[in-house]
N, C-alpha and C. Protein backbone atom coordinates (compact mmCIF):
# COMPACT_ATOMS: atom_id res chain seq x y z
N MET A 1 14.91 -32.29 19.64
CA MET A 1 14.58 -31.56 20.05
C MET A 1 15.67 -30.35 20.59
N ASN A 2 15.27 -29.03 19.65
CA ASN A 2 16.52 -28.50 20.03
C ASN A 2 15.91 -26.97 20.50
N LEU A 3 16.03 -26.57 21.95
CA LEU A 3 14.94 -25.21 22.27
C LEU A 3 15.91 -24.34 22.97
N LYS A 4 16.90 -24.57 23.01
CA LYS A 4 18.19 -23.62 23.30
C LYS A 4 18.02 -22.17 23.18
N ASN A 5 18.04 -21.53 24.01
CA ASN A 5 17.49 -19.63 23.99
C ASN A 5 16.38 -19.70 23.33
N LYS A 6 15.20 -21.03 23.82
CA LYS A 6 13.86 -20.05 23.92
C LYS A 6 12.89 -20.13 25.10
N LYS A 7 12.38 -19.32 25.31
CA LYS A 7 11.96 -19.32 26.96
C LYS A 7 10.39 -19.44 26.88
N VAL A 8 10.28 -20.55 27.73
CA VAL A 8 9.20 -21.18 27.96
C VAL A 8 8.40 -20.55 29.45
N LEU A 9 7.45 -20.08 29.64
CA LEU A 9 6.58 -20.43 30.94
C LEU A 9 5.64 -21.25 30.74
N ILE A 10 5.88 -21.56 32.24
CA ILE A 10 4.65 -23.14 32.47
C ILE A 10 4.33 -22.18 33.24
N ILE A 11 2.54 -22.25 33.55
CA ILE A 11 1.92 -22.81 34.64
C ILE A 11 1.05 -24.09 34.79
N GLY A 12 0.93 -24.12 36.07
CA GLY A 12 -0.05 -24.91 36.96
C GLY A 12 1.19 -26.34 37.21
N VAL A 13 2.66 -26.39 37.25
CA VAL A 13 2.83 -27.14 37.59
C VAL A 13 2.27 -27.47 39.16
N ALA A 14 2.08 -28.60 39.45
CA ALA A 14 1.25 -28.91 40.82
C ALA A 14 2.33 -29.48 41.88
N SER A 15 2.83 -30.79 41.31
CA SER A 15 3.54 -31.15 41.77
C SER A 15 4.59 -32.58 40.97
N LYS A 16 5.36 -33.37 41.23
CA LYS A 16 6.42 -33.48 40.29
C LYS A 16 5.39 -34.81 39.86
N ARG A 17 4.91 -35.09 39.86
CA ARG A 17 4.03 -36.24 38.93
C ARG A 17 3.06 -35.23 37.72
N SER A 18 2.97 -33.83 38.10
CA SER A 18 2.39 -33.74 37.03
C SER A 18 2.84 -33.52 35.40
N ILE A 19 1.64 -33.07 34.92
CA ILE A 19 2.06 -33.16 33.03
C ILE A 19 2.85 -32.16 33.01
N ALA A 20 2.51 -31.05 33.61
CA ALA A 20 3.47 -29.56 33.62
C ALA A 20 4.72 -29.83 34.05
N ALA A 21 4.81 -30.61 35.24
CA ALA A 21 6.13 -30.86 35.36
C ALA A 21 7.23 -31.79 34.63
N SER A 22 6.47 -32.76 34.30
CA SER A 22 7.14 -33.57 32.86
C SER A 22 7.70 -32.46 31.96
N ILE A 23 6.47 -31.77 31.27
CA ILE A 23 7.09 -30.89 30.05
C ILE A 23 8.13 -30.01 30.89
N ALA A 24 8.16 -29.14 32.00
CA ALA A 24 9.29 -28.88 32.15
C ALA A 24 10.77 -29.23 32.27
N GLN A 25 10.48 -30.69 32.34
CA GLN A 25 11.94 -31.41 32.65
C GLN A 25 12.42 -31.64 31.16
N VAL A 26 11.55 -32.03 30.21
CA VAL A 26 12.10 -32.33 28.61
C VAL A 26 12.44 -30.93 28.11
N PHE A 27 11.65 -30.12 28.16
CA PHE A 27 12.03 -28.63 27.60
C PHE A 27 13.48 -28.61 28.39
N SER A 28 13.77 -28.21 29.42
CA SER A 28 14.52 -27.89 30.13
C SER A 28 16.08 -28.94 29.39
N GLN A 29 16.05 -30.06 29.64
CA GLN A 29 16.72 -31.25 29.08
C GLN A 29 17.14 -30.81 27.66
N ASN A 30 16.30 -30.03 27.00
CA ASN A 30 16.64 -29.68 25.40
C ASN A 30 16.94 -28.19 25.84
N GLY A 31 17.29 -27.62 26.44
CA GLY A 31 18.08 -26.31 26.73
C GLY A 31 16.53 -25.05 26.44
N ALA A 32 15.86 -25.27 27.02
CA ALA A 32 14.94 -24.34 27.03
C ALA A 32 15.21 -23.36 27.91
N GLU A 33 14.64 -22.30 28.67
CA GLU A 33 14.89 -21.70 29.44
C GLU A 33 13.50 -21.56 30.33
N ILE A 34 13.43 -21.73 31.17
CA ILE A 34 12.32 -22.04 31.66
C ILE A 34 12.04 -21.09 33.19
N ALA A 35 10.44 -20.78 33.21
CA ALA A 35 10.26 -20.19 34.13
C ALA A 35 8.86 -20.63 34.86
N LEU A 36 8.51 -20.72 35.95
CA LEU A 36 7.50 -21.38 36.46
C LEU A 36 6.52 -20.95 37.51
N THR A 37 5.38 -20.94 37.69
CA THR A 37 4.31 -20.22 38.61
C THR A 37 4.15 -20.84 39.65
N TYR A 38 3.99 -20.88 40.96
CA TYR A 38 2.96 -21.81 41.92
C TYR A 38 1.73 -20.43 42.17
N GLN A 39 0.35 -21.31 42.60
CA GLN A 39 -0.43 -20.65 43.12
C GLN A 39 -0.52 -19.94 44.68
N ASN A 40 0.21 -20.39 45.21
CA ASN A 40 0.47 -20.08 46.71
C ASN A 40 1.01 -20.49 47.14
N GLU A 41 1.69 -19.96 48.96
CA GLU A 41 2.74 -20.72 49.70
C GLU A 41 2.38 -22.05 49.61
N LYS A 42 1.30 -22.91 49.56
CA LYS A 42 1.64 -24.49 49.88
C LYS A 42 1.79 -25.25 48.77
N LEU A 43 1.69 -24.52 47.34
CA LEU A 43 2.59 -24.86 46.63
C LEU A 43 3.80 -24.35 46.18
N GLN A 44 4.54 -23.50 46.69
CA GLN A 44 5.57 -22.68 46.58
C GLN A 44 6.51 -24.01 46.55
N SER A 45 7.06 -24.47 47.13
CA SER A 45 7.90 -25.32 47.90
C SER A 45 8.60 -26.54 47.09
N ARG A 46 6.96 -27.06 46.41
CA ARG A 46 7.02 -27.96 45.33
C ARG A 46 7.38 -27.79 44.23
N VAL A 47 7.59 -26.23 43.93
CA VAL A 47 7.75 -26.12 42.55
C VAL A 47 8.65 -25.56 43.12
N GLU A 48 9.64 -25.16 44.02
CA GLU A 48 10.98 -24.86 44.03
C GLU A 48 11.36 -26.02 43.84
N GLY A 49 11.47 -27.18 44.41
CA GLY A 49 11.54 -28.74 44.46
C GLY A 49 11.90 -28.98 43.14
N ILE A 50 10.73 -28.79 42.01
CA ILE A 50 10.86 -29.48 41.17
C ILE A 50 11.76 -28.31 40.09
N ALA A 51 11.73 -27.18 40.39
CA ALA A 51 12.99 -26.20 39.50
C ALA A 51 14.28 -26.65 39.88
N ASP A 52 14.40 -27.29 41.16
CA ASP A 52 16.29 -27.30 41.47
C ASP A 52 16.39 -28.86 41.08
N GLU A 53 15.43 -29.57 40.50
CA GLU A 53 16.00 -31.05 39.37
C GLU A 53 16.01 -30.60 37.65
N LEU A 54 15.72 -29.03 37.71
CA LEU A 54 16.07 -28.83 36.20
C LEU A 54 17.00 -28.33 35.95
N GLU A 55 17.51 -28.24 34.54
CA GLU A 55 19.02 -27.62 33.76
C GLU A 55 18.78 -26.17 33.88
N GLY A 56 20.09 -25.79 34.46
CA GLY A 56 19.80 -23.90 33.78
C GLY A 56 19.53 -23.63 35.18
N GLU A 57 19.31 -21.81 35.06
CA GLU A 57 18.60 -21.30 36.13
C GLU A 57 17.13 -21.31 35.35
N ILE A 58 16.27 -21.64 36.68
CA ILE A 58 14.98 -21.06 36.23
C ILE A 58 13.68 -20.33 37.34
N LEU A 59 13.68 -19.68 36.52
CA LEU A 59 12.85 -18.26 36.95
C LEU A 59 11.49 -18.97 37.93
N ILE A 60 11.00 -18.55 39.07
CA ILE A 60 9.58 -18.76 39.82
C ILE A 60 9.18 -17.64 40.57
N HIS A 61 7.81 -17.39 40.00
CA HIS A 61 6.84 -16.41 40.61
C HIS A 61 5.60 -17.29 41.30
N PRO A 62 4.87 -16.62 41.81
CA PRO A 62 3.74 -16.88 42.04
C PRO A 62 2.54 -16.22 40.91
N CYS A 63 1.36 -16.90 40.96
CA CYS A 63 0.46 -16.72 40.27
C CYS A 63 -0.56 -17.36 40.16
N ASP A 64 -1.25 -16.58 41.49
CA ASP A 64 -3.05 -17.32 41.36
C ASP A 64 -4.04 -16.69 39.83
N LEU A 65 -4.22 -17.66 39.58
CA LEU A 65 -5.10 -17.29 37.89
C LEU A 65 -6.05 -16.76 38.57
N ALA A 66 -6.99 -16.80 39.42
CA ALA A 66 -8.09 -15.90 40.19
C ALA A 66 -7.86 -14.80 39.74
N LYS A 67 -6.64 -14.51 40.32
CA LYS A 67 -6.27 -12.61 40.31
C LYS A 67 -5.68 -11.83 39.11
N ASP A 68 -6.25 -11.23 38.62
CA ASP A 68 -6.06 -10.54 37.64
C ASP A 68 -4.66 -9.57 37.61
N LYS A 69 -4.20 -9.09 38.99
CA LYS A 69 -3.64 -8.25 39.28
C LYS A 69 -1.88 -9.82 39.62
N ASP A 70 -2.32 -10.38 40.14
CA ASP A 70 -1.07 -12.24 40.10
C ASP A 70 -0.55 -12.03 38.29
N ILE A 71 -2.31 -12.22 37.54
CA ILE A 71 -1.36 -12.33 35.83
C ILE A 71 -0.77 -10.99 35.23
N SER A 72 -1.03 -10.23 35.72
CA SER A 72 -0.54 -8.83 35.51
C SER A 72 1.39 -8.17 36.14
N ASP A 73 1.60 -9.03 37.66
CA ASP A 73 2.44 -8.98 38.11
C ASP A 73 3.81 -9.92 37.37
N LEU A 74 2.77 -11.10 36.84
CA LEU A 74 3.36 -12.38 36.24
C LEU A 74 4.01 -11.29 34.89
N LYS A 75 3.10 -11.05 34.21
CA LYS A 75 3.36 -10.29 32.86
C LYS A 75 4.54 -9.34 33.42
N GLU A 76 4.71 -8.70 34.17
CA GLU A 76 5.57 -7.53 34.35
C GLU A 76 6.79 -8.04 34.85
N PHE A 77 6.72 -9.03 36.06
CA PHE A 77 8.49 -10.05 35.47
C PHE A 77 8.63 -10.83 34.57
N ILE A 78 7.98 -11.32 34.37
CA ILE A 78 8.45 -11.86 32.68
C ILE A 78 9.27 -11.34 31.34
N LYS A 79 8.62 -9.96 31.35
CA LYS A 79 8.87 -8.63 30.59
C LYS A 79 10.20 -8.36 31.62
N ASP A 80 10.04 -8.05 32.85
CA ASP A 80 11.38 -7.79 32.99
C ASP A 80 12.69 -8.57 32.87
N LYS A 81 12.71 -10.41 33.31
CA LYS A 81 13.67 -10.73 33.41
C LYS A 81 13.79 -10.77 31.90
N TRP A 82 13.17 -11.38 30.89
CA TRP A 82 13.40 -11.94 29.48
C TRP A 82 13.13 -10.87 27.89
N SER A 83 12.12 -9.97 28.67
CA SER A 83 11.56 -9.12 27.64
C SER A 83 10.36 -9.63 26.82
N SER A 84 11.04 -10.71 26.11
CA SER A 84 10.09 -11.26 25.04
C SER A 84 10.45 -12.74 25.86
N ILE A 85 8.64 -13.58 24.79
CA ILE A 85 9.10 -14.65 24.99
C ILE A 85 8.37 -15.61 24.14
N ASP A 86 9.11 -17.13 24.50
CA ASP A 86 8.45 -17.98 22.68
C ASP A 86 7.34 -19.08 23.43
N ILE A 87 7.11 -19.53 24.52
CA ILE A 87 6.41 -20.29 24.69
C ILE A 87 5.85 -20.41 25.97
N ILE A 88 4.46 -20.11 25.67
CA ILE A 88 3.58 -21.11 27.19
C ILE A 88 2.67 -22.19 27.07
N ILE A 89 3.09 -22.81 28.43
CA ILE A 89 2.17 -24.08 28.21
C ILE A 89 1.09 -23.93 29.62
N HIS A 90 0.21 -23.52 29.68
CA HIS A 90 -1.04 -23.78 30.10
C HIS A 90 -1.81 -25.24 31.00
N SER A 91 -1.33 -25.33 31.70
CA SER A 91 -1.39 -26.80 32.36
C SER A 91 -2.16 -26.66 33.57
N ALA A 92 -3.49 -25.43 33.44
CA ALA A 92 -3.90 -25.19 35.07
C ALA A 92 -5.59 -25.85 34.66
N ALA A 93 -5.97 -26.09 35.68
CA ALA A 93 -7.45 -26.77 35.74
C ALA A 93 -8.06 -27.09 37.09
N PHE A 94 -9.16 -26.79 37.67
CA PHE A 94 -9.82 -26.58 39.15
C PHE A 94 -11.35 -26.24 38.96
N ALA A 95 -11.82 -26.96 39.71
CA ALA A 95 -13.37 -27.48 40.54
C ALA A 95 -13.12 -27.82 41.08
N PRO A 96 -14.21 -27.26 42.65
CA PRO A 96 -14.41 -27.07 43.59
C PRO A 96 -15.08 -28.91 43.38
N ARG A 97 -13.56 -29.54 44.76
CA ARG A 97 -13.66 -31.05 44.71
C ARG A 97 -15.59 -31.79 44.58
N GLU A 98 -16.52 -30.42 45.36
CA GLU A 98 -17.89 -31.33 45.63
C GLU A 98 -18.73 -31.53 44.24
N LEU A 99 -18.41 -30.92 42.85
CA LEU A 99 -18.75 -30.66 41.82
C LEU A 99 -17.99 -31.88 41.09
N LEU A 100 -17.41 -32.53 41.71
CA LEU A 100 -17.02 -33.52 40.97
C LEU A 100 -17.07 -35.05 41.32
N ASN A 101 -17.95 -35.35 42.39
CA ASN A 101 -18.63 -36.59 42.58
C ASN A 101 -20.04 -36.69 42.36
N GLY A 102 -20.19 -37.84 42.47
CA GLY A 102 -21.61 -37.87 42.10
C GLY A 102 -22.35 -37.50 40.80
N ASP A 103 -24.05 -36.72 40.98
CA ASP A 103 -24.93 -36.49 39.65
C ASP A 103 -24.85 -34.94 39.35
N PHE A 104 -23.95 -35.04 38.11
CA PHE A 104 -23.73 -33.92 37.61
C PHE A 104 -24.54 -32.53 38.01
N VAL A 105 -25.84 -32.41 37.32
CA VAL A 105 -27.09 -31.84 37.89
C VAL A 105 -27.21 -31.27 39.61
N ASP A 106 -27.12 -32.24 40.46
CA ASP A 106 -27.70 -32.47 41.87
C ASP A 106 -26.51 -31.79 42.44
N ASN A 107 -24.89 -31.49 42.08
CA ASN A 107 -24.22 -30.95 42.87
C ASN A 107 -23.48 -29.93 41.90
N ILE A 108 -24.05 -29.61 40.93
CA ILE A 108 -23.47 -28.00 40.36
C ILE A 108 -23.75 -26.71 40.96
N THR A 109 -23.12 -25.78 41.17
CA THR A 109 -23.54 -24.82 41.74
C THR A 109 -23.07 -23.43 40.89
N ARG A 110 -23.39 -22.32 40.48
CA ARG A 110 -23.58 -21.08 39.89
C ARG A 110 -21.68 -20.60 39.89
N GLU A 111 -21.40 -20.70 41.27
CA GLU A 111 -20.00 -20.81 42.05
C GLU A 111 -19.24 -21.57 41.54
N GLY A 112 -19.17 -22.66 42.00
CA GLY A 112 -18.49 -23.62 41.35
C GLY A 112 -18.39 -23.89 39.99
N PHE A 113 -19.55 -23.44 38.98
CA PHE A 113 -19.46 -23.27 37.64
C PHE A 113 -18.41 -22.27 37.17
N GLN A 114 -18.43 -21.26 37.41
CA GLN A 114 -17.82 -19.81 37.57
C GLN A 114 -16.20 -19.94 37.92
N ILE A 115 -15.75 -20.79 38.76
CA ILE A 115 -14.53 -20.99 39.33
C ILE A 115 -14.24 -22.40 38.24
N ALA A 116 -14.75 -23.37 37.96
CA ALA A 116 -14.28 -23.98 36.90
C ALA A 116 -13.71 -23.56 35.90
N HIS A 117 -14.29 -22.98 35.08
CA HIS A 117 -14.71 -22.21 33.73
C HIS A 117 -13.16 -20.40 33.75
N ASP A 118 -13.48 -20.14 35.41
CA ASP A 118 -12.06 -18.85 35.37
C ASP A 118 -10.89 -19.60 35.20
N ILE A 119 -10.88 -20.88 35.48
CA ILE A 119 -9.09 -21.24 36.30
C ILE A 119 -8.75 -22.21 35.21
N SER A 120 -9.83 -22.83 34.57
CA SER A 120 -9.59 -23.75 33.42
C SER A 120 -9.49 -23.43 32.17
N SER A 121 -10.58 -22.29 31.95
CA SER A 121 -10.64 -21.76 30.04
C SER A 121 -10.12 -20.23 30.72
N TYR A 122 -10.82 -19.28 30.84
CA TYR A 122 -10.16 -18.02 30.83
C TYR A 122 -8.91 -17.50 31.36
N SER A 123 -8.63 -18.36 32.38
CA SER A 123 -6.98 -17.94 32.17
C SER A 123 -5.97 -18.11 31.15
N PHE A 124 -6.64 -19.04 30.26
CA PHE A 124 -5.61 -19.14 29.09
C PHE A 124 -5.66 -17.59 28.51
N THR A 125 -6.54 -17.54 28.11
CA THR A 125 -6.73 -16.40 27.22
C THR A 125 -6.52 -14.85 28.15
N ALA A 126 -6.52 -15.15 29.46
CA ALA A 126 -5.98 -13.76 30.51
C ALA A 126 -4.54 -13.54 30.01
N LEU A 127 -3.52 -14.86 29.81
CA LEU A 127 -2.47 -15.04 29.87
C LEU A 127 -2.41 -14.92 28.57
N ALA A 128 -2.87 -15.21 27.67
CA ALA A 128 -2.43 -14.76 26.21
C ALA A 128 -2.45 -13.53 25.94
N LYS A 129 -3.49 -12.70 26.46
CA LYS A 129 -3.91 -10.99 26.45
C LYS A 129 -2.44 -10.41 26.79
N ALA A 130 -2.35 -10.90 28.39
CA ALA A 130 -0.31 -10.26 28.95
C ALA A 130 0.05 -10.18 28.01
N ALA A 131 0.89 -11.45 27.39
CA ALA A 131 2.08 -11.83 27.17
C ALA A 131 1.57 -11.39 25.31
N LYS A 132 0.55 -10.96 25.01
CA LYS A 132 0.93 -10.61 23.52
C LYS A 132 1.77 -9.72 23.21
N PRO A 133 2.00 -8.30 23.88
CA PRO A 133 3.05 -7.49 23.52
C PRO A 133 4.38 -7.92 23.56
N PHE A 134 4.46 -8.80 24.07
CA PHE A 134 6.05 -9.60 24.38
C PHE A 134 6.22 -10.79 23.57
N LEU A 135 5.00 -11.33 22.82
CA LEU A 135 5.56 -12.47 22.61
C LEU A 135 6.80 -12.37 20.83
N ASN A 136 7.59 -13.33 21.27
CA ASN A 136 8.32 -13.42 19.91
C ASN A 136 7.30 -13.85 18.44
N ASP A 137 7.92 -13.52 17.14
CA ASP A 137 7.30 -13.57 15.81
C ASP A 137 7.45 -15.31 16.49
N GLY A 138 6.61 -15.84 15.71
CA GLY A 138 6.65 -17.98 15.57
C GLY A 138 6.38 -18.38 16.97
N SER A 139 5.85 -17.72 18.28
CA SER A 139 5.57 -18.02 19.07
C SER A 139 4.70 -19.15 19.72
N ALA A 140 4.50 -19.88 20.76
CA ALA A 140 3.31 -20.60 20.85
C ALA A 140 2.79 -20.73 21.85
N LEU A 141 1.44 -21.25 21.84
CA LEU A 141 0.45 -21.16 22.98
C LEU A 141 0.23 -22.48 23.59
N LEU A 142 0.19 -23.01 24.40
CA LEU A 142 -0.11 -24.46 24.71
C LEU A 142 -1.45 -24.43 25.67
N THR A 143 -2.01 -25.27 25.77
CA THR A 143 -2.81 -25.79 26.58
C THR A 143 -2.71 -26.84 26.40
N LEU A 144 -3.80 -28.03 27.78
CA LEU A 144 -3.54 -29.13 27.85
C LEU A 144 -5.54 -29.35 28.19
N SER A 145 -5.95 -30.80 27.39
CA SER A 145 -7.37 -30.68 27.33
C SER A 145 -7.26 -32.24 28.03
N TYR A 146 -8.66 -32.60 27.62
CA TYR A 146 -8.70 -34.18 28.23
C TYR A 146 -10.27 -34.59 27.41
N LEU A 147 -10.20 -35.94 27.39
CA LEU A 147 -11.03 -36.57 26.57
C LEU A 147 -12.90 -35.79 27.27
N GLY A 148 -12.54 -35.98 27.96
CA GLY A 148 -13.87 -34.79 28.82
C GLY A 148 -14.75 -34.10 28.32
N ALA A 149 -13.93 -33.40 27.81
CA ALA A 149 -14.48 -32.01 26.26
C ALA A 149 -15.32 -32.76 26.03
N VAL A 150 -15.15 -33.72 25.08
CA VAL A 150 -16.12 -34.48 24.26
C VAL A 150 -17.13 -35.50 23.84
N GLN A 151 -16.74 -35.92 25.76
CA GLN A 151 -18.04 -36.90 25.69
C GLN A 151 -17.86 -37.41 26.94
N THR A 152 -19.09 -37.46 28.00
CA THR A 152 -19.07 -37.83 29.15
C THR A 152 -18.44 -38.96 29.86
N MET A 153 -17.50 -38.12 30.99
CA MET A 153 -16.90 -39.01 31.45
C MET A 153 -17.39 -39.02 33.09
N PRO A 154 -17.14 -40.41 33.68
CA PRO A 154 -17.93 -40.72 35.26
C PRO A 154 -16.89 -39.62 36.09
N ASN A 155 -17.99 -38.78 36.85
CA ASN A 155 -17.60 -37.86 37.80
C ASN A 155 -16.33 -36.98 37.47
N TYR A 156 -16.56 -36.34 36.23
CA TYR A 156 -15.81 -34.99 35.72
C TYR A 156 -16.49 -34.02 35.27
N ASN A 157 -18.12 -34.94 35.58
CA ASN A 157 -19.24 -33.19 35.87
C ASN A 157 -18.38 -32.25 34.96
N VAL A 158 -18.69 -31.26 36.22
CA VAL A 158 -18.32 -29.71 35.60
C VAL A 158 -17.15 -29.27 34.72
N MET A 159 -16.07 -30.11 34.83
CA MET A 159 -15.10 -30.25 34.33
C MET A 159 -14.96 -30.36 32.95
N GLY A 160 -16.01 -31.42 32.45
CA GLY A 160 -16.02 -31.63 30.95
C GLY A 160 -16.51 -30.42 30.34
N LEU A 161 -17.29 -29.69 30.79
CA LEU A 161 -17.95 -28.21 30.32
C LEU A 161 -16.99 -27.50 30.14
N ALA A 162 -15.74 -27.37 31.10
CA ALA A 162 -14.38 -26.03 31.47
C ALA A 162 -13.92 -26.87 30.17
N LYS A 163 -13.40 -27.62 30.11
CA LYS A 163 -12.44 -28.31 29.19
C LYS A 163 -12.80 -28.00 27.32
N ALA A 164 -14.27 -27.73 27.17
CA ALA A 164 -15.02 -27.73 26.22
C ALA A 164 -14.91 -26.44 25.68
N SER A 165 -14.94 -26.02 27.25
CA SER A 165 -14.98 -24.40 26.66
C SER A 165 -13.36 -23.77 26.68
N LEU A 166 -12.75 -24.51 27.29
CA LEU A 166 -10.91 -24.36 27.07
C LEU A 166 -10.51 -24.68 25.50
N GLU A 167 -10.94 -26.03 25.19
CA GLU A 167 -10.53 -25.77 23.33
C GLU A 167 -11.46 -24.98 22.81
N ALA A 168 -13.06 -24.64 22.58
CA ALA A 168 -13.33 -23.58 21.88
C ALA A 168 -12.63 -22.37 21.72
N ASN A 169 -11.94 -22.19 23.50
CA ASN A 169 -11.36 -20.34 23.74
C ASN A 169 -10.30 -20.55 22.34
N THR A 170 -10.22 -21.67 22.84
CA THR A 170 -7.86 -21.98 22.10
C THR A 170 -8.15 -21.97 20.42
């Protein structure tokens, strides 16, 4: 795979074992220029450690997907550094922990439902909207789903609905 000179933004690197970290590693090894984001200070050092293991200069920028300003700031950062982009990888998903155990109906809350859909689905479209003006011809926007979007999985609960929303969104 030749990704030389391809500019790739990867959202959702949380640890060295995350799918997003593996994608960053493979893309980097194949010549891509990489930008990574982190949600908060707690994750910043983890993402910086992952960046240190990648090839080339790696851009790193904060972006809490629950905040429109962070998405806008990320857009300006990418435009300033690269002026255009080829690939966006959206590997972000979240639901409050208490919604991922036990009985779905007993544990669901309006706020938890909204959070799961906001971070796991809406954020993909928000990123696409922000990047649309500077996407290169033939660019790709990729996101990650899970079997729980199409069938019931134990304790996946609200995330199944959020991933189904993401798939329809895509």
